């Protein structure tokens, strides 16, 4: 089909909007399955010099629809004026759009060799761009990759234990490309294949869940939801002012552990918690001792470096039942423009979003700690969206995953639900139980197959008796990492290279 440039532009914008609407809070997941196809339709047959525009338009449409909460967070908590915060969202959208120019140009380039060739390339090239989106230094932001839209199917979700999230992205992009091919070639046989594929996916989505096994439960953890309101700043007497709240949380933690023995977990630091603060240190030790259990808590950890310089890390610390500190994990992947300002001297307009310090120092080691019965890998908030990083905990011997987070920054926007969607996938990729404790929701226990088996209502102060078990098996994804994504990169390069041969390839369609 010979579409006009403005028809192609509308298709590209529609593809970005459709993908954005696939995620919470819209939850129109079926749109994801045709979204990539719409961009393929926009790109096939487009002049190579014009084609990059369509990928760029997709990115510009996707991010404002999918993540409008970024503007709110920066404006409300980051002391960034509305115009600048909106500009940063557009910068993020433009960055993604620039990456998608590779996709639309590549599809247009190979379509000169045949429609079938272009539609065959598209799924691999789409995944290759998603890998770039994940690994791009500083601006890498794999929030709501296309494969997450397919995680509503418990059966399809199991694919990620082999391929990581990129396997589902390949499936979504592959279906979209098949849809585009059917529209372009208008052959009855292709439409029949599309209908048969649709039927199989529907069958897997509705009935496949019965084939997914149940996970063994033999432990209980106590996930304490602190429910502190988000604040831009914390006065020096915060702990004294909130002594009653802290007393309540202490009693919630101790009573739960005495009723049912198990580790007590508090979320990513939602307040000025630090073991260098004697007031908080005494309380944390007392909770562990009174509960007679291990106590994991998020803190700001101050460390003295050589030369007498103090640095701060966003950390999780584990106290044993005697109150002794036995394990520390320092968050490695910090939030740009949130926990630090990259290229600060060049971006003078960007002020910190965190309220308690100007910049965190990143950790350097994916550490694993020990508790009775097994070993835990703890990751903090934003780190959960980077699949290859989280798999390293299981690779390093973790038999249980714990995610502590403070999603209070997001309010009741779509962000907490989107965040939970991605955390579920980390459990399945590693085939580990995953305990997720947050300041104000969503606090849940997720089994190794992605089921949420226990959850606490958002925006309440309380604790969740979270069932879990330890697992020592190693999934293929843990063992080999992003192998599928790298295969897609190699295949894309090879297929694009072939287009520079003058002779058309045989059997590549119309």
Protein backbone atom coordinates (compact mmCIF):
# COMPACT_ATOMS: atom_id res chain seq x y z
CA UNK A 1 0.00 0.00 0.00
CA UNK A 2 1.26 3.44 -0.95
CA UNK A 3 0.25 5.56 2.05
CA UNK A 4 0.65 9.33 2.02
CA UNK A 5 3.15 10.81 4.48
CA UNK A 6 0.41 12.21 6.71
CA UNK A 7 -1.38 8.85 6.81
CA UNK A 8 1.90 7.29 7.87
CA UNK A 9 2.33 9.99 10.50
CA UNK A 10 -1.14 9.30 11.89
CA UNK A 11 -0.40 5.56 11.99
CA UNK A 12 2.84 6.22 13.89
CA UNK A 13 1.11 8.46 16.43
CA UNK A 14 -1.71 5.92 16.79
CA UNK A 15 0.85 3.18 17.45
CA UNK A 16 2.41 5.18 20.29
CA UNK A 17 -0.95 6.03 21.82
CA UNK A 18 -2.13 2.41 21.52
CA UNK A 19 0.96 1.12 23.31
CA UNK A 20 0.59 3.73 26.04
CA UNK A 21 -3.05 2.77 26.58
CA UNK A 22 -2.01 -0.86 27.05
CA UNK A 23 -0.70 -0.18 30.56
CA UNK A 24 -2.26 0.88 33.87
CA UNK A 25 -4.36 2.77 34.57
CA UNK A 26 -5.94 2.37 31.12
CA UNK A 27 -5.35 -1.39 31.03
CA UNK A 28 -6.31 -1.81 27.36
CA UNK A 29 -3.70 -4.53 26.96
CA UNK A 30 -5.04 -5.88 23.67
CA UNK A 31 -3.97 -2.66 21.95
CA UNK A 32 -0.32 -3.58 22.52
CA UNK A 33 -0.69 -6.52 20.15
CA UNK A 34 -1.40 -4.24 17.16
CA UNK A 35 0.63 -1.21 18.26
CA UNK A 36 3.91 -2.37 16.71
CA UNK A 37 1.99 -3.42 13.60
CA UNK A 38 0.71 0.12 13.14
CA UNK A 39 4.27 1.43 13.20
CA UNK A 40 5.29 -1.25 10.70
CA UNK A 41 2.48 -0.09 8.41
CA UNK A 42 3.73 3.48 8.76
CA UNK A 43 7.29 2.44 7.89
CA UNK A 44 6.98 -0.15 5.09
CA UNK A 45 7.52 1.53 1.75
CA UNK A 46 8.37 4.91 3.25
CA UNK A 47 11.31 6.79 1.70
CA UNK A 48 14.34 5.99 3.91
CA UNK A 49 15.00 9.71 4.51
CA UNK A 50 11.41 10.21 5.67
CA UNK A 51 11.00 6.99 7.63
CA UNK A 52 12.84 8.07 10.83
CA UNK A 53 10.07 10.63 11.44
CA UNK A 54 7.57 7.85 12.13
CA UNK A 55 9.56 6.19 14.88
CA UNK A 56 10.14 9.60 16.43
CA UNK A 57 6.42 10.35 16.40
CA UNK A 58 5.72 7.01 18.07
CA UNK A 59 8.00 7.96 20.97
CA UNK A 60 6.53 11.45 21.28
CA UNK A 61 3.04 9.93 21.55
CA UNK A 62 3.87 6.99 23.83
CA UNK A 63 5.52 8.62 26.84
CA UNK A 64 3.03 11.43 27.56
CA UNK A 65 0.23 8.84 27.45
CA UNK A 66 2.00 6.16 29.47
CA UNK A 67 3.96 8.14 32.07
CA UNK A 68 2.32 11.54 32.62
CA UNK A 69 3.08 11.10 36.33
CA UNK A 70 6.75 12.01 35.69
CA UNK A 71 5.76 15.64 35.18
CA UNK A 72 3.78 15.65 38.43
CA UNK A 73 6.60 14.10 40.47
CA UNK A 74 9.24 16.52 39.21
CA UNK A 75 6.99 19.53 39.66
CA UNK A 76 5.60 18.59 43.08
CA UNK A 77 8.66 17.08 44.76
CA UNK A 78 11.62 18.20 42.71
CA UNK A 79 11.19 21.95 42.94
CA UNK A 80 11.09 22.04 39.14
CA UNK A 81 8.83 24.62 37.52
CA UNK A 82 5.95 23.26 35.41
CA UNK A 83 7.45 24.32 32.09
CA UNK A 84 10.78 22.66 32.85
CA UNK A 85 9.18 19.46 34.16
CA UNK A 86 7.01 19.20 31.05
CA UNK A 87 10.12 19.82 28.98
CA UNK A 88 11.93 16.94 30.70
CA UNK A 89 9.05 14.60 29.89
CA UNK A 90 9.28 15.69 26.27
CA UNK A 91 13.06 15.16 26.41
CA UNK A 92 12.46 11.60 27.60
CA UNK A 93 9.88 11.09 24.84
CA UNK A 94 12.24 12.54 22.25
CA UNK A 95 15.07 10.28 23.45
CA UNK A 96 12.86 7.22 23.03
CA UNK A 97 11.64 8.58 19.71
CA UNK A 98 15.21 8.95 18.47
CA UNK A 99 15.85 5.31 19.34
CA UNK A 100 12.71 4.30 17.44
CA UNK A 101 13.99 6.08 14.35
CA UNK A 102 16.31 3.09 14.03
CA UNK A 103 13.25 0.84 13.89
CA UNK A 104 11.22 2.82 11.36
CA UNK A 105 14.26 3.48 9.16
CA UNK A 106 15.28 -0.18 9.27
CA UNK A 107 11.82 -1.44 8.34
CA UNK A 108 11.61 1.08 5.49
CA UNK A 109 15.08 0.16 4.29
CA UNK A 110 14.45 -3.59 4.08
CA UNK A 111 10.95 -3.15 2.66
CA UNK A 112 12.68 -2.27 -0.62
CA UNK A 113 13.64 -5.95 -0.75
CA UNK A 114 10.09 -7.07 -0.03
CA UNK A 115 7.22 -6.64 2.42
CA UNK A 116 7.78 -10.10 3.87
CA UNK A 117 11.43 -9.31 4.53
CA UNK A 118 10.47 -6.08 6.33
CA UNK A 119 7.80 -7.72 8.48
CA UNK A 120 10.20 -10.53 9.31
CA UNK A 121 12.84 -8.06 10.46
CA UNK A 122 10.49 -5.90 12.54
CA UNK A 123 10.11 -8.10 15.69
CA UNK A 124 13.86 -8.61 16.09
CA UNK A 125 14.61 -4.95 15.43
CA UNK A 126 11.93 -3.91 17.93
CA UNK A 127 13.54 -6.03 20.65
CA UNK A 128 16.99 -4.71 19.74
CA UNK A 129 15.72 -1.16 20.28
CA UNK A 130 14.18 -2.17 23.62
CA UNK A 131 17.57 -3.51 24.68
CA UNK A 132 19.09 -0.15 23.73
CA UNK A 133 16.35 1.57 25.71
CA UNK A 134 17.34 -0.51 28.74
CA UNK A 135 21.09 -0.14 28.48
CA UNK A 136 21.49 3.44 27.35
CA UNK A 137 23.79 5.19 29.85
CA UNK A 138 22.06 7.68 32.17
CA UNK A 139 18.85 7.93 30.13
CA UNK A 140 18.19 4.18 29.96
CA UNK A 141 14.56 3.85 31.05
CA UNK A 142 12.93 0.47 30.27
CA UNK A 143 9.67 1.43 31.94
CA UNK A 144 6.71 -0.40 30.35
CA UNK A 145 8.50 -2.35 27.64
CA UNK A 146 5.93 -3.76 25.24
CA UNK A 147 6.18 -7.29 26.65
CA UNK A 148 4.75 -6.19 30.00
CA UNK A 149 1.39 -5.69 28.32
CA UNK A 150 1.20 -9.48 27.85
CA UNK A 151 1.83 -10.32 31.52
CA UNK A 152 -1.88 -10.52 32.27
CA UNK A 153 -1.67 -14.07 30.92
CA UNK A 154 -0.09 -16.29 33.56
CA UNK A 155 0.77 -18.91 30.95
CA UNK A 156 2.50 -16.50 28.56
CA UNK A 157 4.32 -14.93 31.49
CA UNK A 158 6.27 -18.16 32.04
CA UNK A 159 8.21 -17.47 28.83
CA UNK A 160 10.32 -14.90 30.68
CA UNK A 161 12.02 -17.58 32.80
CA UNK A 162 13.80 -18.55 29.57
CA UNK A 163 14.04 -15.31 27.61
CA UNK A 164 13.53 -12.47 30.08
CA UNK A 165 10.91 -9.83 29.32
CA UNK A 166 12.27 -9.59 25.78
CA UNK A 167 10.63 -12.89 24.89
CA UNK A 168 7.20 -11.41 25.50
CA UNK A 169 8.19 -8.25 23.62
CA UNK A 170 9.22 -10.42 20.67
CA UNK A 171 5.87 -12.20 20.81
CA UNK A 172 3.90 -8.93 20.93
CA UNK A 173 5.97 -7.38 18.13
CA UNK A 174 5.78 -10.59 16.08
CA UNK A 175 1.99 -10.63 16.25
CA UNK A 176 1.85 -6.96 15.29
CA UNK A 177 4.15 -7.59 12.35
CA UNK A 178 1.98 -10.49 11.20
CA UNK A 179 -1.05 -8.20 11.42
CA UNK A 180 0.75 -5.58 9.31
CA UNK A 181 1.79 -8.21 6.76
CA UNK A 182 -1.81 -9.40 6.42
CA UNK A 183 -3.00 -5.84 5.83
CA UNK A 184 -0.27 -5.14 3.28
CA UNK A 185 -0.42 -8.30 1.16
CA UNK A 186 -4.20 -8.88 1.48
CA UNK A 187 -3.99 -12.63 1.05
CA UNK A 188 -6.61 -14.93 2.50
CA UNK A 189 -3.99 -17.47 3.58
CA UNK A 190 -2.18 -14.86 5.67
CA UNK A 191 -5.40 -13.75 7.35
CA UNK A 192 -6.10 -17.38 8.21
CA UNK A 193 -2.67 -17.67 9.85
CA UNK A 194 -3.37 -14.47 11.78
CA UNK A 195 -6.74 -15.79 12.98
CA UNK A 196 -5.21 -19.13 13.99
CA UNK A 197 -2.44 -17.33 15.88
CA UNK A 198 -5.01 -15.15 17.63
CA UNK A 199 -6.98 -18.22 18.67
CA UNK A 200 -3.88 -19.89 20.12
CA UNK A 201 -2.96 -16.77 22.07
CA UNK A 202 -6.49 -16.44 23.43
CA UNK A 203 -6.47 -20.11 24.43
CA UNK A 204 -3.13 -19.70 26.20
CA UNK A 205 -4.33 -16.55 27.91
CA UNK A 206 -7.55 -18.05 29.24
CA UNK A 207 -6.83 -21.74 29.80
CA UNK A 208 -3.05 -21.94 30.06
CA UNK A 209 -3.06 -20.76 33.66
CA UNK A 210 -4.27 -24.18 34.74
CA UNK A 211 -1.00 -25.70 33.56
CA UNK A 212 1.13 -23.40 35.74
CA UNK A 213 2.18 -25.25 38.92
CA UNK A 214 1.69 -24.02 42.47
CA UNK A 215 4.72 -22.97 44.50
CA UNK A 216 5.64 -24.43 47.87
CA UNK A 217 5.14 -22.21 50.93
CA UNK A 218 6.93 -22.86 54.21
CA UNK A 219 7.76 -19.44 55.68
CA UNK A 220 6.02 -16.20 56.64
CA UNK A 221 7.52 -12.72 56.47
CA UNK A 222 6.02 -9.59 57.99
CA UNK A 223 5.95 -6.75 55.46
CA UNK A 224 5.31 -3.50 57.31
CA UNK A 225 3.65 -0.72 55.31
CA UNK A 226 4.67 2.49 57.10
CA UNK A 227 2.26 4.82 55.26
CA UNK A 228 4.13 8.05 55.88
CA UNK A 229 3.05 11.02 53.74
CA UNK A 230 5.64 12.06 51.19
CA UNK A 231 7.50 15.17 52.19
CA UNK A 232 9.89 17.50 50.41
CA UNK A 233 11.99 18.04 53.51
CA UNK A 234 12.50 16.50 56.94
CA UNK A 235 13.27 18.70 59.96
CA UNK A 236 16.02 17.61 62.33
CA UNK A 237 13.47 16.70 65.00
CA UNK A 238 11.34 14.56 62.67
CA UNK A 239 11.74 11.37 64.74
CA UNK A 240 10.74 13.19 67.93
CA UNK A 241 7.70 14.78 66.27
CA UNK A 242 6.64 11.39 64.89
CA UNK A 243 7.44 9.39 68.01
CA UNK A 244 3.84 8.15 68.28
CA UNK A 245 3.90 6.91 64.67
CA UNK A 246 7.21 5.16 65.26
CA UNK A 247 5.87 3.56 68.45
CA UNK A 248 2.85 2.29 66.51
CA UNK A 249 5.05 0.80 63.80
CA UNK A 250 7.27 -0.85 66.39
CA UNK A 251 4.28 -2.50 68.06
CA UNK A 252 2.86 -3.62 64.70
CA UNK A 253 6.20 -5.23 63.83
CA UNK A 254 6.85 -6.89 67.19
CA UNK A 255 3.31 -8.19 67.71
CA UNK A 256 3.20 -9.70 64.21
CA UNK A 257 6.55 -11.48 64.69
CA UNK A 258 5.56 -12.81 68.10
CA UNK A 259 2.27 -14.13 66.75
CA UNK A 260 3.92 -15.85 63.76
CA UNK A 261 7.73 -16.03 63.79
CA UNK A 262 9.32 -14.59 60.67
CA UNK A 263 11.57 -11.87 59.33
CA UNK A 264 10.28 -8.30 59.72
CA UNK A 265 10.73 -6.00 56.71
CA UNK A 266 10.32 -2.23 56.44
CA UNK A 267 10.31 -0.43 53.07
CA UNK A 268 12.78 1.82 51.30
CA UNK A 269 13.51 4.75 53.56
CA UNK A 270 10.30 6.86 53.64
CA UNK A 271 11.66 9.21 56.32
CA UNK A 272 15.05 10.27 57.78
CA UNK A 273 16.00 6.76 58.93
CA UNK A 274 19.71 6.25 59.56
CA UNK A 275 21.63 3.97 61.88
CA UNK A 276 24.00 6.88 62.40
CA UNK A 277 21.09 8.55 64.21
CA UNK A 278 21.20 7.16 67.75
CA UNK A 279 17.44 7.57 68.19
CA UNK A 280 16.62 5.42 65.16
CA UNK A 281 19.46 2.99 65.79
CA UNK A 282 18.14 2.22 69.27
CA UNK A 283 14.64 1.69 67.95
CA UNK A 284 15.78 -0.61 65.14
CA UNK A 285 17.85 -2.72 67.54
CA UNK A 286 14.93 -2.86 69.96
CA UNK A 287 12.53 -4.07 67.25
CA UNK A 288 14.88 -6.93 66.33
CA UNK A 289 15.43 -7.89 69.95
CA UNK A 290 11.78 -7.68 71.04
CA UNK A 291 10.60 -9.57 67.98
CA UNK A 292 13.50 -12.03 68.33
CA UNK A 293 13.66 -12.06 64.54
CA UNK A 294 15.77 -10.73 61.70
CA UNK A 295 14.84 -7.15 60.77
CA UNK A 296 15.41 -5.69 57.29
CA UNK A 297 14.96 -1.94 56.91
CA UNK A 298 15.68 0.77 54.35
CA UNK A 299 17.93 3.59 55.53
CA UNK A 300 20.17 6.41 54.43
CA UNK A 301 23.62 5.07 55.28
CA UNK A 302 26.41 7.58 55.87
CA UNK A 303 29.95 6.38 55.22
CA UNK A 304 33.29 8.05 55.80
CA UNK A 305 35.58 7.81 52.80
CA UNK A 306 39.29 8.39 52.65
CA UNK A 307 40.16 12.04 53.06
CA UNK A 308 37.43 12.56 55.63
CA UNK A 309 34.60 12.93 53.10
CA UNK A 310 31.15 11.67 54.09
CA UNK A 311 28.97 10.02 51.44
CA UNK A 312 25.38 8.78 51.62
CA UNK A 313 23.92 5.63 50.11
CA UNK A 314 20.33 4.48 49.72
CA UNK A 315 20.68 1.17 51.54
CA UNK A 316 18.96 -1.86 53.01
CA UNK A 317 20.41 -3.22 56.26
CA UNK A 318 19.68 -6.49 58.01
CA UNK A 319 19.83 -6.82 61.77
CA UNK A 320 19.93 -10.25 63.42
CA UNK A 321 17.71 -11.04 66.45
CA UNK A 322 20.33 -9.59 68.78
CA UNK A 323 20.20 -6.28 66.89
CA UNK A 324 23.60 -6.74 65.29
CA UNK A 325 24.03 -5.45 61.74
CA UNK A 326 24.88 -8.47 59.59
CA UNK A 327 24.23 -7.37 56.01
CA UNK A 328 24.09 -4.18 53.95
CA UNK A 329 23.11 -3.63 50.34
CA UNK A 330 23.74 -0.22 48.78
CA UNK A 331 21.49 0.67 45.86
CA UNK A 332 23.49 0.50 42.64
CA UNK A 333 21.16 1.87 39.96
CA UNK A 334 20.14 5.30 41.17
CA UNK A 335 17.32 7.39 39.73
CA UNK A 336 18.70 10.12 37.44
CA UNK A 337 17.26 13.50 38.35
CA UNK A 338 15.90 11.85 41.47
CA UNK A 339 18.73 10.41 43.56
CA UNK A 340 21.45 12.19 41.68
CA UNK A 341 21.74 14.75 38.90
CA UNK A 342 23.81 13.44 35.99
CA UNK A 343 26.06 15.98 34.31
CA UNK A 344 25.10 18.42 37.06
CA UNK A 345 27.48 21.17 36.00
CA UNK A 346 25.88 21.26 32.56
CA UNK A 347 22.24 20.88 33.68
CA UNK A 348 21.97 23.69 36.18
CA UNK A 349 18.17 23.77 35.90
CA UNK A 350 17.82 20.23 37.33
CA UNK A 351 17.32 20.23 41.09
CA UNK A 352 17.22 17.11 43.23
CA UNK A 353 13.99 15.22 43.74
CA UNK A 354 15.08 13.49 46.93
CA UNK A 355 14.29 15.50 50.02
CA UNK A 356 17.00 14.48 52.46
CA UNK A 357 20.28 14.72 50.54
CA UNK A 358 21.61 16.33 47.39
CA UNK A 359 23.14 13.22 45.85
CA UNK A 360 23.41 9.54 46.72
CA UNK A 361 26.54 7.56 45.95
CA UNK A 362 25.82 4.31 44.06
CA UNK A 363 26.73 0.92 45.46
CA UNK A 364 29.07 -1.37 43.56
CA UNK A 365 28.20 -4.96 44.54
CA UNK A 366 25.12 -7.16 44.06
CA UNK A 367 25.37 -8.58 47.56
CA UNK A 368 23.41 -11.51 48.99
CA UNK A 369 22.61 -11.88 52.69
CA UNK A 370 21.76 -14.88 54.86
CA UNK A 371 18.66 -15.50 56.97
CA UNK A 372 17.45 -18.77 58.54
CA UNK A 373 16.58 -21.18 55.73
CA UNK A 374 18.17 -19.39 52.80
CA UNK A 375 19.83 -16.37 51.25
CA UNK A 376 18.20 -13.09 50.23
CA UNK A 377 18.87 -10.65 47.44
CA UNK A 378 17.51 -7.18 48.17
CA UNK A 379 16.94 -4.58 45.47
CA UNK A 380 15.57 -1.10 45.94
CA UNK A 381 12.71 0.61 44.08
CA UNK A 382 13.83 1.80 40.61
CA UNK A 383 16.29 -1.07 40.23
CA UNK A 384 13.36 -3.43 39.69
CA UNK A 385 12.84 -2.29 36.08
CA UNK A 386 16.27 -3.54 34.96
CA UNK A 387 15.96 -7.30 34.36
CA UNK A 388 19.60 -8.18 33.79
CA UNK A 389 20.58 -6.45 37.03
CA UNK A 390 18.02 -8.26 39.19
CA UNK A 391 18.92 -11.69 37.81
CA UNK A 392 22.40 -11.22 39.27
CA UNK A 393 21.06 -11.74 42.79
CA UNK A 394 19.80 -15.24 41.96
CA UNK A 395 22.98 -15.85 39.97
CA UNK A 396 24.89 -14.91 43.11
CA UNK A 397 23.06 -17.42 45.28
CA UNK A 398 19.91 -15.65 46.45
CA UNK A 399 17.09 -18.12 47.12
CA UNK A 400 14.59 -15.35 47.95
CA UNK A 401 14.19 -11.88 46.43
CA UNK A 402 13.09 -8.83 48.43
CA UNK A 403 12.13 -5.53 46.85
CA UNK A 404 11.76 -2.53 49.14
CA UNK A 405 10.30 0.61 47.61
CA UNK A 406 8.86 4.00 48.38
CA UNK A 407 6.19 4.64 45.76
CA UNK A 408 4.76 7.49 47.80
CA UNK A 409 6.32 9.90 45.30
CA UNK A 410 3.81 8.72 42.70
CA UNK A 411 0.63 9.36 44.70
CA UNK A 412 -2.34 7.47 43.26
CA UNK A 413 -1.18 7.85 39.68
CA UNK A 414 -0.70 4.93 37.31
CA UNK A 415 2.95 4.56 38.36
CA UNK A 416 2.53 2.19 41.37
CA UNK A 417 0.45 -0.26 39.33
CA UNK A 418 2.93 -0.09 36.44
CA UNK A 419 5.79 -0.63 38.88
CA UNK A 420 4.11 -3.71 40.35
CA UNK A 421 3.51 -5.11 36.86
CA UNK A 422 7.25 -5.03 36.18
CA UNK A 423 8.25 -6.40 39.59
CA UNK A 424 6.08 -9.49 38.97
CA UNK A 425 8.18 -10.29 35.92
CA UNK A 426 11.40 -10.20 37.96
CA UNK A 427 10.03 -13.01 40.15
CA UNK A 428 9.31 -15.24 37.15
CA UNK A 429 12.58 -14.46 35.36
CA UNK A 430 14.52 -15.64 38.41
CA UNK A 431 12.01 -18.32 39.50
CA UNK A 432 12.11 -16.92 43.01
CA UNK A 433 9.56 -15.88 45.58
CA UNK A 434 9.57 -12.11 45.71
CA UNK A 435 8.50 -10.10 48.76
CA UNK A 436 7.70 -6.48 47.95
CA UNK A 437 7.39 -4.01 50.80
CA UNK A 438 6.42 -0.39 50.12
CA UNK A 439 5.69 2.74 52.08
CA UNK A 440 2.08 3.05 50.93
CA UNK A 441 1.36 0.34 48.33
CA UNK A 442 1.53 -2.04 46.64
CA UNK A 443 2.88 -4.38 49.34
CA UNK A 444 2.62 -7.98 48.11
CA UNK A 445 4.01 -11.50 48.09
CA UNK A 446 4.62 -12.89 44.58
CA UNK A 447 5.27 -16.55 43.89
CA UNK A 448 7.94 -17.78 41.40
CA UNK A 449 5.29 -18.04 38.67
CA UNK A 450 4.05 -14.47 39.00
CA UNK A 451 0.94 -14.96 41.12
CA UNK A 452 0.23 -12.33 43.76
CA UNK A 453 -0.62 -14.63 46.66
CA UNK A 454 -1.04 -11.98 49.37
CA UNK A 455 -1.43 -8.21 49.30
CA UNK A 456 -2.05 -5.32 51.65
CA UNK A 457 -4.51 -2.57 50.87
CA UNK A 458 -2.75 0.64 49.73
CA UNK A 459 -2.59 3.78 51.88
CA UNK A 460 -3.00 2.04 55.23
CA UNK A 461 -0.55 1.50 58.04
CA UNK A 462 -0.21 -2.16 58.85
CA UNK A 463 1.61 -5.36 58.07
CA UNK A 464 1.14 -8.25 55.69
CA UNK A 465 1.71 -11.89 56.65
CA UNK A 466 3.52 -12.71 53.43
CA UNK A 467 3.98 -16.40 52.56
CA UNK A 468 7.11 -17.48 50.77
CA UNK A 469 9.59 -20.29 50.26
CA UNK A 470 13.21 -20.65 49.22
CA UNK A 471 14.28 -22.00 45.80
CA UNK A 472 17.71 -23.01 44.63
CA UNK A 473 17.03 -23.93 40.98
CA UNK A 474 18.46 -21.68 38.29
CA UNK A 475 16.26 -20.53 35.44
CA UNK A 476 17.66 -20.29 31.93
CA UNK A 477 17.30 -16.53 32.09
CA UNK A 478 19.35 -16.36 35.29
CA UNK A 479 21.98 -18.56 33.66
CA UNK A 480 22.25 -16.83 30.28
CA UNK A 481 20.79 -13.36 30.81
CA UNK A 482 19.61 -11.29 27.82
CA UNK A 483 20.64 -13.89 25.27
CA UNK A 484 17.46 -13.50 23.19
CA UNK A 485 17.80 -9.72 23.00
CA UNK A 486 21.39 -10.05 21.79
CA UNK A 487 20.32 -12.63 19.19
CA UNK A 488 17.78 -10.07 17.99
CA UNK A 489 20.52 -7.44 17.77
CA UNK A 490 22.70 -9.78 15.71
CA UNK A 491 19.80 -10.82 13.46
CA UNK A 492 18.80 -7.20 12.88
CA UNK A 493 22.32 -6.20 11.89
CA UNK A 494 22.59 -9.17 9.55
CA UNK A 495 19.22 -8.54 7.90
CA UNK A 496 19.91 -4.84 7.48
CA UNK A 497 23.30 -5.63 5.94
CA UNK A 498 21.64 -7.84 3.35
CA UNK A 499 19.57 -4.92 2.08
CA UNK A 500 22.64 -3.31 0.64
CA UNK A 501 22.98 -6.12 -1.90
CA UNK A 502 21.52 -4.98 -5.22
CA UNK A 503 19.80 -8.24 -6.16
CA UNK A 504 16.36 -8.73 -4.53
CA UNK A 505 16.00 -11.65 -2.16
CA UNK A 506 13.76 -14.46 -3.31
CA UNK A 507 10.53 -15.31 -1.52
CA UNK A 508 10.25 -12.14 0.50
CA UNK A 509 6.68 -11.27 -0.44
CA UNK A 510 5.13 -8.38 -2.28
